[in-house]
Amino acid sequence: MIKQLAPGAAVAALLLGAGAAGAATTPPGRLAPIHGPYAPTIDPANFVTRIDNPYLPYKPGTRINFVGVRGKTKQTDDQVVLRRTKRILGVGSTVVRDTVSEHGHAVERTDDWYAQDRAGNVWYMGEDAFDLRNGRFVKASDSWEGGVNGAHPGIIMPAHPMPGDAYRQEYYPPGKALDEARVLRLTGTLTVPFGTFRHVLVTSEFSPLEPQTEQKFYARGVGEIAEHVVKGHHEAFRLVAVMH
């Protein structure tokens, strides 16, 4: 159980960059609040070089494969944890290349940037996204980088997720990248092509600017195993393989 800080202590820890002791006792909702002004102070000294959160482990060299559908079109989603990093706000951030394909041809390519703090929270530091338009890849308007043009990192995976936790995942108003998440439960059971998993973490993700709500499912030691849109257009993906 994460110890709750008094409101004044939580703010002090955040303004000081959430040092090791402060971050270890500050819930993710305090680190990335969904209400009020949002401007987290990122202290590079509070981050580690690896991402080993049990619900979102990103070991360099790992390949992750999903199959799914968007609308009526079958798609594949292939992710590769690259062996290089990108420095964002002074923090060496892991690069995960995400390629969505249809009929064997890429239609979306994104480099997502992640970093883990000493408490185990995984921060989403930004993304460089490109969509295929008229045969060319064009940079998406919701691409963003923490510290650039008013963009701020958010929490993509809490160190110790608990039902009811709510947190910002990204904050970039100019590009309308404002995703938020809430932990629904830790008791899910789900079968995907990669296997059957119990004690699954289930989250709900949404944006205040969009009518869509998505649920994601995570298994300890594996990471994300499935996602599907529960409100909005038809979209769903299931984990097929993880290769280290």
Protein backbone atom coordinates (compact mmCIF):
# COMPACT_ATOMS: atom_id res chain seq x y z
CA MET A 1 0.00 0.00 0.00
CA ILE A 2 1.46 3.38 -0.97
CA LYS A 3 1.70 5.82 1.88
CA GLN A 4 -0.38 8.95 1.27
CA LEU A 5 1.42 12.25 1.66
CA ALA A 6 -0.27 15.21 3.23
CA PRO A 7 -1.24 17.74 0.51
CA GLY A 8 1.53 20.17 1.45
CA ALA A 9 4.18 17.46 1.53
CA ALA A 10 3.06 16.10 -1.84
CA VAL A 11 3.36 19.52 -3.46
CA ALA A 12 6.76 20.07 -1.89
CA ALA A 13 8.02 16.72 -3.17
CA LEU A 14 6.76 17.51 -6.65
CA LEU A 15 8.34 20.96 -6.77
CA LEU A 16 11.64 19.48 -5.63
CA GLY A 17 11.52 17.08 -8.56
CA ALA A 18 10.05 14.18 -6.57
CA GLY A 19 13.33 12.81 -5.23
CA ALA A 20 13.76 9.13 -4.45
CA ALA A 21 12.09 9.26 -1.05
CA GLY A 22 9.30 11.60 -2.18
CA ALA A 23 8.51 9.65 -5.36
CA ALA A 24 8.40 6.37 -3.43
CA THR A 25 5.58 7.68 -1.24
CA THR A 26 3.68 9.84 -3.73
CA PRO A 27 0.74 8.19 -5.55
CA PRO A 28 0.71 8.55 -9.36
CA GLY A 29 -2.40 10.73 -9.12
CA ARG A 30 -0.29 13.29 -7.26
CA LEU A 31 2.58 13.01 -9.76
CA ALA A 32 0.32 13.46 -12.80
CA PRO A 33 -2.98 14.97 -11.56
CA ILE A 34 -5.90 15.10 -13.99
CA HIS A 35 -7.41 18.23 -12.42
CA GLY A 36 -6.01 21.74 -12.13
CA PRO A 37 -2.78 23.18 -13.57
CA TYR A 38 -0.31 20.59 -14.80
CA ALA A 39 3.43 21.24 -14.89
CA PRO A 40 5.43 18.39 -13.29
CA THR A 41 9.08 19.08 -12.53
CA ILE A 42 11.24 16.32 -13.98
CA ASP A 43 14.51 15.78 -12.08
CA PRO A 44 16.93 13.60 -14.11
CA ALA A 45 18.57 12.45 -10.86
CA ASN A 46 15.28 10.76 -9.95
CA PHE A 47 15.30 8.45 -13.00
CA VAL A 48 16.96 5.11 -13.68
CA THR A 49 18.37 3.70 -16.92
CA ARG A 50 16.10 0.65 -17.15
CA ILE A 51 12.36 0.09 -17.45
CA ASP A 52 11.48 -2.98 -15.39
CA ASN A 53 8.04 -2.09 -14.05
CA PRO A 54 6.37 -5.56 -13.91
CA TYR A 55 3.33 -4.34 -15.85
CA LEU A 56 5.37 -2.58 -18.55
CA PRO A 57 8.89 -4.04 -18.85
CA TYR A 58 10.78 -2.63 -21.84
CA LYS A 59 14.06 -4.52 -22.19
CA PRO A 60 16.17 -3.34 -25.15
CA GLY A 61 15.95 -5.74 -28.07
CA THR A 62 12.46 -7.01 -27.15
CA ARG A 63 9.99 -7.49 -30.02
CA ILE A 64 6.25 -7.45 -29.30
CA ASN A 65 3.59 -8.46 -31.81
CA PHE A 66 -0.17 -7.85 -31.77
CA VAL A 67 -2.96 -8.70 -34.20
CA GLY A 68 -6.20 -6.82 -34.37
CA VAL A 69 -8.79 -4.89 -36.30
CA ARG A 70 -9.68 -1.24 -36.80
CA GLY A 71 -13.15 -0.76 -38.20
CA LYS A 72 -13.43 -3.69 -40.61
CA THR A 73 -9.75 -3.75 -41.54
CA LYS A 74 -7.36 -6.31 -40.09
CA GLN A 75 -4.11 -4.88 -38.77
CA THR A 76 -0.88 -5.93 -37.10
CA ASP A 77 0.99 -3.88 -34.51
CA ASP A 78 4.71 -4.60 -34.13
CA GLN A 79 6.78 -2.95 -31.40
CA VAL A 80 10.54 -3.02 -31.01
CA VAL A 81 12.38 -1.75 -27.93
CA LEU A 82 15.40 -0.08 -29.49
CA ARG A 83 18.88 -0.20 -27.99
CA ARG A 84 19.24 3.56 -28.13
CA THR A 85 17.78 6.34 -26.03
CA LYS A 86 16.64 9.91 -26.58
CA ARG A 87 17.41 12.59 -24.02
CA ILE A 88 14.26 14.47 -23.01
CA LEU A 89 14.28 17.05 -20.21
CA GLY A 90 17.71 15.68 -19.30
CA VAL A 91 16.40 12.12 -18.94
CA GLY A 92 17.67 9.26 -21.12
CA SER A 93 14.40 7.86 -22.48
CA THR A 94 13.90 4.40 -23.98
CA VAL A 95 12.72 4.40 -27.60
CA VAL A 96 9.95 1.95 -28.56
CA ARG A 97 9.26 1.84 -32.30
CA ASP A 98 5.62 1.00 -33.04
CA THR A 99 4.53 0.06 -36.57
CA VAL A 100 0.90 -0.56 -37.52
CA SER A 101 0.39 -2.40 -40.83
CA GLU A 102 -2.48 -3.35 -43.12
CA HIS A 103 -2.17 -6.07 -45.78
CA GLY A 104 1.55 -6.29 -45.02
CA HIS A 105 2.24 -2.56 -45.52
CA ALA A 106 2.94 0.00 -42.80
CA VAL A 107 0.27 2.69 -42.33
CA GLU A 108 1.50 4.22 -39.04
CA ARG A 109 4.98 4.55 -37.59
CA THR A 110 5.69 5.97 -34.16
CA ASP A 111 8.70 6.30 -31.90
CA ASP A 112 7.39 6.41 -28.31
CA TRP A 113 9.71 7.61 -25.53
CA TYR A 114 9.53 6.23 -21.99
CA ALA A 115 11.51 6.63 -18.76
CA GLN A 116 11.18 5.09 -15.31
CA ASP A 117 11.67 6.97 -12.06
CA ARG A 118 13.31 5.49 -8.96
CA ALA A 119 9.93 4.67 -7.45
CA GLY A 120 9.04 2.51 -10.46
CA ASN A 121 6.57 4.80 -12.23
CA VAL A 122 6.98 4.71 -16.02
CA TRP A 123 6.67 8.16 -17.59
CA TYR A 124 5.53 8.81 -21.14
CA MET A 125 8.03 11.41 -22.39
CA GLY A 126 6.62 11.98 -25.88
CA GLU A 127 6.09 10.50 -29.32
CA ASP A 128 7.14 11.10 -32.90
CA ALA A 129 4.20 9.80 -34.96
CA PHE A 130 3.73 9.51 -38.72
CA ASP A 131 0.62 8.50 -40.70
CA LEU A 132 0.51 7.25 -44.29
CA ARG A 133 -1.31 9.77 -46.49
CA ASN A 134 -1.41 9.56 -50.28
CA GLY A 135 1.52 7.15 -50.27
CA ARG A 136 3.71 9.31 -48.00
CA PHE A 137 4.36 9.33 -44.27
CA VAL A 138 3.30 12.65 -42.76
CA LYS A 139 4.03 13.75 -39.20
CA ALA A 140 0.91 13.56 -37.02
CA SER A 141 -0.32 16.70 -35.27
CA ASP A 142 -0.38 14.93 -31.90
CA SER A 143 3.38 14.25 -31.98
CA TRP A 144 4.97 15.85 -28.94
CA GLU A 145 8.09 15.96 -26.79
CA GLY A 146 8.23 16.79 -23.09
CA GLY A 147 9.51 20.33 -22.56
CA VAL A 148 8.78 21.49 -26.13
CA ASN A 149 5.94 23.91 -27.01
CA GLY A 150 4.19 23.47 -23.67
CA ALA A 151 4.20 19.65 -23.67
CA HIS A 152 4.62 17.78 -20.37
CA PRO A 153 5.28 14.08 -19.68
CA GLY A 154 2.69 11.96 -17.89
CA ILE A 155 2.51 8.57 -16.19
CA ILE A 156 1.95 5.64 -18.56
CA MET A 157 2.22 2.98 -15.82
CA PRO A 158 2.17 3.56 -12.05
CA ALA A 159 4.72 1.77 -9.87
CA HIS A 160 1.97 0.25 -7.73
CA PRO A 161 -1.38 0.60 -9.57
CA MET A 162 -4.45 0.47 -7.35
CA PRO A 163 -8.14 0.51 -8.36
CA GLY A 164 -9.33 4.10 -8.58
CA ASP A 165 -5.93 5.61 -9.39
CA ALA A 166 -6.32 8.34 -12.02
CA TYR A 167 -3.45 10.09 -13.81
CA ARG A 168 -2.47 12.03 -16.91
CA GLN A 169 -0.57 10.06 -19.53
CA GLU A 170 0.40 13.01 -21.73
CA TYR A 171 -0.19 16.75 -21.89
CA TYR A 172 0.11 18.63 -25.18
CA PRO A 173 -2.90 20.93 -25.74
CA PRO A 174 -1.71 22.31 -29.15
CA GLY A 175 -1.79 18.81 -30.68
CA LYS A 176 -4.76 17.65 -28.62
CA ALA A 177 -2.71 14.94 -26.92
CA LEU A 178 -4.39 14.86 -23.53
CA ASP A 179 -4.89 11.18 -22.70
CA GLU A 180 -5.80 10.24 -19.14
CA ALA A 181 -6.16 6.84 -17.48
CA ARG A 182 -7.88 5.22 -14.53
CA VAL A 183 -7.13 1.83 -12.94
CA LEU A 184 -10.27 -0.32 -12.95
CA ARG A 185 -9.13 -3.56 -11.33
CA LEU A 186 -6.27 -6.00 -10.76
CA THR A 187 -8.35 -9.16 -10.88
CA GLY A 188 -8.95 -9.69 -14.58
CA THR A 189 -8.55 -13.00 -16.43
CA LEU A 190 -7.94 -12.94 -20.15
CA THR A 191 -6.95 -15.35 -22.91
CA VAL A 192 -5.07 -14.00 -25.94
CA PRO A 193 -3.09 -15.84 -28.65
CA PHE A 194 0.04 -15.57 -26.46
CA GLY A 195 -1.62 -17.36 -23.53
CA THR A 196 -4.06 -17.17 -20.62
CA PHE A 197 -3.37 -14.65 -17.85
CA ARG A 198 -4.85 -14.09 -14.40
CA HIS A 199 -4.60 -11.16 -11.98
CA VAL A 200 -4.63 -8.90 -15.03
CA LEU A 201 -4.42 -5.12 -14.57
CA VAL A 202 -7.28 -3.40 -16.42
CA THR A 203 -7.20 0.33 -17.17
CA SER A 204 -9.58 2.74 -18.86
CA GLU A 205 -8.02 5.38 -21.12
CA PHE A 206 -9.72 8.44 -22.55
CA SER A 207 -9.23 12.04 -23.61
CA PRO A 208 -11.46 14.95 -22.53
CA LEU A 209 -11.41 16.08 -26.18
CA GLU A 210 -12.59 12.81 -27.74
CA PRO A 211 -15.74 10.66 -27.35
CA GLN A 212 -13.69 7.45 -27.31
CA THR A 213 -12.89 5.21 -24.32
CA GLU A 214 -10.43 2.34 -24.48
CA GLN A 215 -9.62 -0.46 -22.06
CA LYS A 216 -6.13 -1.95 -21.83
CA PHE A 217 -5.03 -5.16 -20.16
CA TYR A 218 -1.60 -5.84 -18.64
CA ALA A 219 -0.02 -9.02 -17.23
CA ARG A 220 2.83 -8.96 -14.72
CA GLY A 221 6.17 -9.81 -16.27
CA VAL A 222 4.77 -9.48 -19.79
CA GLY A 223 3.30 -6.00 -20.27
CA GLU A 224 0.27 -5.11 -22.35
CA ILE A 225 -1.63 -8.17 -23.61
CA ALA A 226 -4.75 -6.60 -25.14
CA GLU A 227 -6.69 -3.43 -25.78
CA HIS A 228 -10.10 -2.62 -27.19
CA VAL A 229 -12.28 0.43 -27.68
CA VAL A 230 -15.42 0.19 -25.54
CA LYS A 231 -16.90 3.53 -26.62
CA GLY A 232 -16.35 4.89 -30.12
CA HIS A 233 -15.19 3.15 -33.29
CA HIS A 234 -14.45 -0.59 -33.47
CA GLU A 235 -10.83 -1.36 -32.61
CA ALA A 236 -9.19 -4.27 -30.76
CA PHE A 237 -5.74 -5.87 -30.52
CA ARG A 238 -4.44 -9.06 -28.88
CA LEU A 239 -0.89 -10.10 -28.02
CA VAL A 240 0.58 -12.80 -30.27
CA ALA A 241 4.26 -12.96 -29.34
CA VAL A 242 7.03 -11.48 -27.21
CA MET A 243 10.61 -12.18 -28.27
CA HIS A 244 13.69 -11.14 -26.28
